[in-house]
PDB file of N, CA and C in Angstrom:
ATOM      1  N   UNK A   1       0.817  -1.193   0.000  1.00  0.00           N
ATOM      2  CA  UNK A   1       0.000   0.000   0.000  1.00  0.00           C
ATOM      3  C   UNK A   1       0.861   1.258   0.000  1.00  0.00           C
ATOM      4  N   UNK A   2       2.009   1.214   0.606  1.00  0.00           N
ATOM      5  CA  UNK A   2       2.870   2.397   0.681  1.00  0.00           C
ATOM      6  C   UNK A   2       3.401   2.773  -0.699  1.00  0.00           C
ATOM      7  N   UNK A   3       3.650   1.785  -1.561  1.00  0.00           N
ATOM      8  CA  UNK A   3       4.182   2.088  -2.894  1.00  0.00           C
ATOM      9  C   UNK A   3       3.133   2.780  -3.757  1.00  0.00           C
ATOM     10  N   UNK A   4       1.874   2.401  -3.613  1.00  0.00           N
ATOM     11  CA  UNK A   4       0.812   3.017  -4.415  1.00  0.00           C
ATOM     12  C   UNK A   4       0.556   4.462  -4.025  1.00  0.00           C
ATOM     13  N   UNK A   5       0.706   4.785  -2.759  1.00  0.00           N
ATOM     14  CA  UNK A   5       0.462   6.150  -2.297  1.00  0.00           C
ATOM     15  C   UNK A   5       1.521   7.101  -2.848  1.00  0.00           C
ATOM     16  N   UNK A   6       2.740   6.623  -2.979  1.00  0.00           N
ATOM     17  CA  UNK A   6       3.818   7.476  -3.465  1.00  0.00           C
ATOM     18  C   UNK A   6       3.663   7.843  -4.934  1.00  0.00           C
ATOM     19  N   UNK A   7       3.123   6.948  -5.753  1.00  0.00           N
ATOM     20  CA  UNK A   7       2.993   7.242  -7.175  1.00  0.00           C
ATOM     21  C   UNK A   7       1.950   8.321  -7.425  1.00  0.00           C
ATOM     22  N   UNK A   8       0.883   8.333  -6.636  1.00  0.00           N
ATOM     23  CA  UNK A   8      -0.137   9.374  -6.803  1.00  0.00           C
ATOM     24  C   UNK A   8       0.415  10.744  -6.464  1.00  0.00           C
ATOM     25  N   UNK A   9       1.211  10.813  -5.422  1.00  0.00           N
ATOM     26  CA  UNK A   9       1.820  12.069  -5.012  1.00  0.00           C
ATOM     27  C   UNK A   9       2.804  12.550  -6.073  1.00  0.00           C
ATOM     28  N   UNK A  10       3.559  11.627  -6.641  1.00  0.00           N
ATOM     29  CA  UNK A  10       4.510  11.975  -7.686  1.00  0.00           C
ATOM     30  C   UNK A  10       3.791  12.503  -8.914  1.00  0.00           C
ATOM     31  N   UNK A  11       2.670  11.881  -9.277  1.00  0.00           N
ATOM     32  CA  UNK A  11       1.890  12.333 -10.433  1.00  0.00           C
ATOM     33  C   UNK A  11       1.346  13.732 -10.187  1.00  0.00           C
ATOM     34  N   UNK A  12       0.823  13.975  -8.970  1.00  0.00           N
ATOM     35  CA  UNK A  12       0.271  15.291  -8.648  1.00  0.00           C
ATOM     36  C   UNK A  12       1.364  16.345  -8.673  1.00  0.00           C
ATOM     37  N   UNK A  13       2.547  15.996  -8.196  1.00  0.00           N
ATOM     38  CA  UNK A  13       3.675  16.915  -8.225  1.00  0.00           C
ATOM     39  C   UNK A  13       4.052  17.252  -9.663  1.00  0.00           C
ATOM     40  N   UNK A  14       3.996  16.279 -10.549  1.00  0.00           N
ATOM     41  CA  UNK A  14       4.285  16.513 -11.959  1.00  0.00           C
ATOM     42  C   UNK A  14       3.264  17.411 -12.616  1.00  0.00           C
ATOM     43  N   UNK A  15       1.997  17.264 -12.233  1.00  0.00           N
ATOM     44  CA  UNK A  15       0.937  18.111 -12.776  1.00  0.00           C
ATOM     45  C   UNK A  15       1.143  19.556 -12.343  1.00  0.00           C
ATOM     46  N   UNK A  16       1.467  19.752 -11.075  1.00  0.00           N
ATOM     47  CA  UNK A  16       1.679  21.107 -10.576  1.00  0.00           C
ATOM     48  C   UNK A  16       2.897  21.749 -11.225  1.00  0.00           C
ATOM     49  N   UNK A  17       3.943  20.995 -11.431  1.00  0.00           N
ATOM     50  CA  UNK A  17       5.137  21.524 -12.082  1.00  0.00           C
ATOM     51  C   UNK A  17       4.824  21.895 -13.523  1.00  0.00           C
ATOM     52  N   UNK A  18       4.023  21.074 -14.201  1.00  0.00           N
ATOM     53  CA  UNK A  18       3.646  21.360 -15.574  1.00  0.00           C
ATOM     54  C   UNK A  18       2.806  22.628 -15.628  1.00  0.00           C
ATOM     55  N   UNK A  19       1.895  22.792 -14.675  1.00  0.00           N
ATOM     56  CA  UNK A  19       1.044  23.981 -14.633  1.00  0.00           C
ATOM     57  C   UNK A  19       1.878  25.234 -14.381  1.00  0.00           C
ATOM     58  N   UNK A  20       2.838  25.145 -13.460  1.00  0.00           N
ATOM     59  CA  UNK A  20       3.713  26.285 -13.181  1.00  0.00           C
ATOM     60  C   UNK A  20       4.550  26.641 -14.400  1.00  0.00           C
ATOM     61  N   UNK A  21       5.013  25.627 -15.117  1.00  0.00           N
ATOM     62  CA  UNK A  21       5.812  25.867 -16.317  1.00  0.00           C
ATOM     63  C   UNK A  21       4.976  26.553 -17.388  1.00  0.00           C
ATOM     64  N   UNK A  22       3.711  26.143 -17.544  1.00  0.00           N
ATOM     65  CA  UNK A  22       2.840  26.776 -18.530  1.00  0.00           C
ATOM     66  C   UNK A  22       2.580  28.232 -18.181  1.00  0.00           C
ATOM     67  N   UNK A  23       2.366  28.502 -16.896  1.00  0.00           N
ATOM     68  CA  UNK A  23       2.133  29.886 -16.467  1.00  0.00           C
ATOM     69  C   UNK A  23       3.390  30.717 -16.699  1.00  0.00           C
ATOM     70  N   UNK A  24       4.546  30.164 -16.361  1.00  0.00           N
ATOM     71  CA  UNK A  24       5.807  30.875 -16.561  1.00  0.00           C
ATOM     72  C   UNK A  24       6.049  31.145 -18.044  1.00  0.00           C
ATOM     73  N   UNK A  25       5.748  30.169 -18.888  1.00  0.00           N
ATOM     74  CA  UNK A  25       5.921  30.354 -20.328  1.00  0.00           C
ATOM     75  C   UNK A  25       4.983  31.431 -20.852  1.00  0.00           C
ATOM     76  N   UNK A  26       3.734  31.461 -20.340  1.00  0.00           N
ATOM     77  CA  UNK A  26       2.776  32.470 -20.799  1.00  0.00           C
ATOM     78  C   UNK A  26       3.231  33.871 -20.375  1.00  0.00           C
ATOM     79  N   UNK A  27       3.758  34.001 -19.161  1.00  0.00           N
ATOM     80  CA  UNK A  27       4.212  35.309 -18.699  1.00  0.00           C
ATOM     81  C   UNK A  27       5.403  35.817 -19.502  1.00  0.00           C
ATOM     82  N   UNK A  28       6.152  34.914 -20.097  1.00  0.00           N
ATOM     83  CA  UNK A  28       7.294  35.310 -20.921  1.00  0.00           C
ATOM     84  C   UNK A  28       6.925  35.465 -22.394  1.00  0.00           C
ATOM     85  N   UNK A  29       5.691  35.143 -22.762  1.00  0.00           N
ATOM     86  CA  UNK A  29       5.327  35.116 -24.174  1.00  0.00           C
ATOM     87  C   UNK A  29       5.047  36.517 -24.717  1.00  0.00           C
ATOM     88  N   UNK A  30       5.124  36.627 -26.030  1.00  0.00           N
ATOM     89  CA  UNK A  30       4.835  37.889 -26.710  1.00  0.00           C
ATOM     90  C   UNK A  30       3.366  38.256 -26.569  1.00  0.00           C
ATOM     91  N   UNK A  31       2.496  37.265 -26.541  1.00  0.00           N
ATOM     92  CA  UNK A  31       1.062  37.517 -26.393  1.00  0.00           C
ATOM     93  C   UNK A  31       0.773  38.239 -25.079  1.00  0.00           C
ATOM     94  N   UNK A  32       1.389  37.800 -23.989  1.00  0.00           N
ATOM     95  CA  UNK A  32       1.190  38.435 -22.693  1.00  0.00           C
ATOM     96  C   UNK A  32       1.758  39.847 -22.694  1.00  0.00           C
ATOM     97  N   UNK A  33       2.905  40.039 -23.308  1.00  0.00           N
ATOM     98  CA  UNK A  33       3.508  41.380 -23.348  1.00  0.00           C
ATOM     99  C   UNK A  33       2.653  42.344 -24.138  1.00  0.00           C
ATOM    100  N   UNK A  34       2.100  41.886 -25.256  1.00  0.00           N
ATOM    101  CA  UNK A  34       1.217  42.746 -26.040  1.00  0.00           C
ATOM    102  C   UNK A  34      -0.059  43.080 -25.264  1.00  0.00           C
ATOM    103  N   UNK A  35      -0.607  42.105 -24.575  1.00  0.00           N
ATOM    104  CA  UNK A  35      -1.788  42.341 -23.755  1.00  0.00           C
ATOM    105  C   UNK A  35      -1.494  43.373 -22.671  1.00  0.00           C
ATOM    106  N   UNK A  36      -0.350  43.259 -22.043  1.00  0.00           N
ATOM    107  CA  UNK A  36       0.044  44.206 -21.007  1.00  0.00           C
ATOM    108  C   UNK A  36       0.201  45.620 -21.570  1.00  0.00           C
ATOM    109  N   UNK A  37       0.823  45.735 -22.721  1.00  0.00           N
ATOM    110  CA  UNK A  37       1.013  47.052 -23.342  1.00  0.00           C
ATOM    111  C   UNK A  37      -0.331  47.654 -23.726  1.00  0.00           C
ATOM    112  N   UNK A  38      -1.214  46.861 -24.309  1.00  0.00           N
ATOM    113  CA  UNK A  38      -2.528  47.373 -24.683  1.00  0.00           C
ATOM    114  C   UNK A  38      -3.331  47.800 -23.464  1.00  0.00           C
ATOM    115  N   UNK A  39      -3.248  47.044 -22.400  1.00  0.00           N
ATOM    116  CA  UNK A  39      -3.943  47.435 -21.173  1.00  0.00           C
ATOM    117  C   UNK A  39      -3.386  48.744 -20.626  1.00  0.00           C
ATOM    118  N   UNK A  40      -2.067  48.878 -20.637  1.00  0.00           N
ATOM    119  CA  UNK A  40      -1.463  50.112 -20.133  1.00  0.00           C
ATOM    120  C   UNK A  40      -1.850  51.310 -20.992  1.00  0.00           C
ATOM    121  N   UNK A  41      -1.865  51.136 -22.317  1.00  0.00           N
ATOM    122  CA  UNK A  41      -2.234  52.238 -23.200  1.00  0.00           C
ATOM    123  C   UNK A  41      -3.721  52.537 -23.141  1.00  0.00           C
ATOM    124  N   UNK A  42      -4.528  51.594 -22.687  1.00  0.00           N
ATOM    125  CA  UNK A  42      -5.958  51.821 -22.604  1.00  0.00           C
ATOM    126  C   UNK A  42      -6.418  52.293 -21.247  1.00  0.00           C
ATOM    127  N   UNK A  43      -5.890  51.715 -20.188  1.00  0.00           N
ATOM    128  CA  UNK A  43      -6.401  52.001 -18.853  1.00  0.00           C
ATOM    129  C   UNK A  43      -5.739  53.231 -18.240  1.00  0.00           C
ATOM    130  N   UNK A  44      -4.447  53.380 -18.369  1.00  0.00           N
ATOM    131  CA  UNK A  44      -3.754  54.494 -17.725  1.00  0.00           C
ATOM    132  C   UNK A  44      -4.243  55.844 -18.262  1.00  0.00           C
ATOM    133  N   UNK A  45      -4.336  56.049 -19.568  1.00  0.00           N
ATOM    134  CA  UNK A  45      -4.862  57.342 -20.037  1.00  0.00           C
ATOM    135  C   UNK A  45      -6.309  57.582 -19.597  1.00  0.00           C
ATOM    136  N   UNK A  46      -7.107  56.524 -19.544  1.00  0.00           N
ATOM    137  CA  UNK A  46      -8.487  56.678 -19.098  1.00  0.00           C
ATOM    138  C   UNK A  46      -8.522  57.155 -17.646  1.00  0.00           C
ATOM    139  N   UNK A  47      -7.706  56.568 -16.786  1.00  0.00           N
ATOM    140  CA  UNK A  47      -7.688  56.969 -15.383  1.00  0.00           C
ATOM    141  C   UNK A  47      -7.174  58.396 -15.222  1.00  0.00           C
ATOM    142  N   UNK A  48      -6.159  58.765 -15.986  1.00  0.00           N
ATOM    143  CA  UNK A  48      -5.618  60.125 -15.904  1.00  0.00           C
ATOM    144  C   UNK A  48      -6.664  61.135 -16.365  1.00  0.00           C
ATOM    145  N   UNK A  49      -7.314  60.864 -17.489  1.00  0.00           N
ATOM    146  CA  UNK A  49      -8.329  61.783 -17.988  1.00  0.00           C
ATOM    147  C   UNK A  49      -9.507  61.863 -17.026  1.00  0.00           C
ATOM    148  N   UNK A  50      -9.912  60.753 -16.461  1.00  0.00           N
ATOM    149  CA  UNK A  50     -11.023  60.746 -15.518  1.00  0.00           C
ATOM    150  C   UNK A  50     -10.677  61.605 -14.298  1.00  0.00           C
ATOM    151  N   UNK A  51      -9.454  61.495 -13.827  1.00  0.00           N
ATOM    152  CA  UNK A  51      -9.030  62.287 -12.682  1.00  0.00           C
ATOM    153  C   UNK A  51      -9.103  63.772 -12.997  1.00  0.00           C
ATOM    154  N   UNK A  52      -8.597  64.182 -14.166  1.00  0.00           N
ATOM    155  CA  UNK A  52      -8.594  65.596 -14.507  1.00  0.00           C
ATOM    156  C   UNK A  52      -9.991  66.115 -14.813  1.00  0.00           C
ATOM    157  N   UNK A  53     -10.837  65.310 -15.430  1.00  0.00           N
ATOM    158  CA  UNK A  53     -12.203  65.736 -15.716  1.00  0.00           C
ATOM    159  C   UNK A  53     -12.972  65.927 -14.414  1.00  0.00           C
ATOM    160  N   UNK A  54     -12.833  65.006 -13.484  1.00  0.00           N
ATOM    161  CA  UNK A  54     -13.535  65.130 -12.208  1.00  0.00           C
ATOM    162  C   UNK A  54     -13.012  66.331 -11.437  1.00  0.00           C
ATOM    163  N   UNK A  55     -11.707  66.537 -11.427  1.00  0.00           N
ATOM    164  CA  UNK A  55     -11.151  67.693 -10.726  1.00  0.00           C
ATOM    165  C   UNK A  55     -11.633  69.001 -11.372  1.00  0.00           C
ATOM    166  N   UNK A  56     -11.660  69.039 -12.690  1.00  0.00           N
ATOM    167  CA  UNK A  56     -12.150  70.232 -13.380  1.00  0.00           C
ATOM    168  C   UNK A  56     -13.618  70.492 -13.100  1.00  0.00           C
ATOM    169  N   UNK A  57     -14.411  69.456 -13.070  1.00  0.00           N
ATOM    170  CA  UNK A  57     -15.835  69.614 -12.785  1.00  0.00           C
ATOM    171  C   UNK A  57     -16.035  70.131 -11.360  1.00  0.00           C
ATOM    172  N   UNK A  58     -15.279  69.619 -10.411  1.00  0.00           N
ATOM    173  CA  UNK A  58     -15.415  70.068  -9.036  1.00  0.00           C
ATOM    174  C   UNK A  58     -14.985  71.518  -8.880  1.00  0.00           C
ATOM    175  N   UNK A  59     -13.941  71.916  -9.602  1.00  0.00           N
ATOM    176  CA  UNK A  59     -13.502  73.317  -9.532  1.00  0.00           C
ATOM    177  C   UNK A  59     -14.570  74.243 -10.110  1.00  0.00           C
ATOM    178  N   UNK A  60     -15.173  73.869 -11.215  1.00  0.00           N
ATOM    179  CA  UNK A  60     -16.216  74.704 -11.819  1.00  0.00           C
ATOM    180  C   UNK A  60     -17.438  74.747 -10.909  1.00  0.00           C
ATOM    181  N   UNK A  61     -17.770  73.612 -10.335  1.00  0.00           N
ATOM    182  CA  UNK A  61     -18.949  73.563  -9.465  1.00  0.00           C
ATOM    183  C   UNK A  61     -18.735  74.410  -8.209  1.00  0.00           C
ATOM    184  N   UNK A  62     -17.533  74.416  -7.653  1.00  0.00           N
ATOM    185  CA  UNK A  62     -17.253  75.211  -6.472  1.00  0.00           C
ATOM    186  C   UNK A  62     -17.254  76.708  -6.793  1.00  0.00           C
ATOM    187  N   UNK A  63     -16.795  77.061  -7.982  1.00  0.00           N
ATOM    188  CA  UNK A  63     -16.772  78.483  -8.373  1.00  0.00           C
ATOM    189  C   UNK A  63     -18.180  79.027  -8.602  1.00  0.00           C
ATOM    190  N   UNK A  64     -19.070  78.179  -9.121  1.00  0.00           N
ATOM    191  CA  UNK A  64     -20.424  78.653  -9.422  1.00  0.00           C
ATOM    192  C   UNK A  64     -21.388  78.477  -8.268  1.00  0.00           C
ATOM    193  N   UNK A  65     -20.924  78.015  -7.122  1.00  0.00           N
ATOM    194  CA  UNK A  65     -21.799  77.831  -5.964  1.00  0.00           C
ATOM    195  C   UNK A  65     -22.163  79.202  -5.384  1.00  0.00           C
ATOM    196  N   UNK A  66     -23.394  79.372  -4.956  1.00  0.00           N
ATOM    197  CA  UNK A  66     -23.813  80.687  -4.433  1.00  0.00           C
ATOM    198  C   UNK A  66     -23.210  81.006  -3.092  1.00  0.00           C
TER     199      UNK A  66
END
């Protein structure tokens, strides 16, 4: 019984190592880098513009308050 328990653990260890290798390969891939660049070019300008638009709106609203 002890020999059978060890093979299952070894198989599970191999699966986890394979999964980690796939994740590591994806993080190094060109597809991931392009996705990261597109996200940065899409999200960062949106957040910056949103910040300035909200600040501008608040300044105008405070100036026009009675």
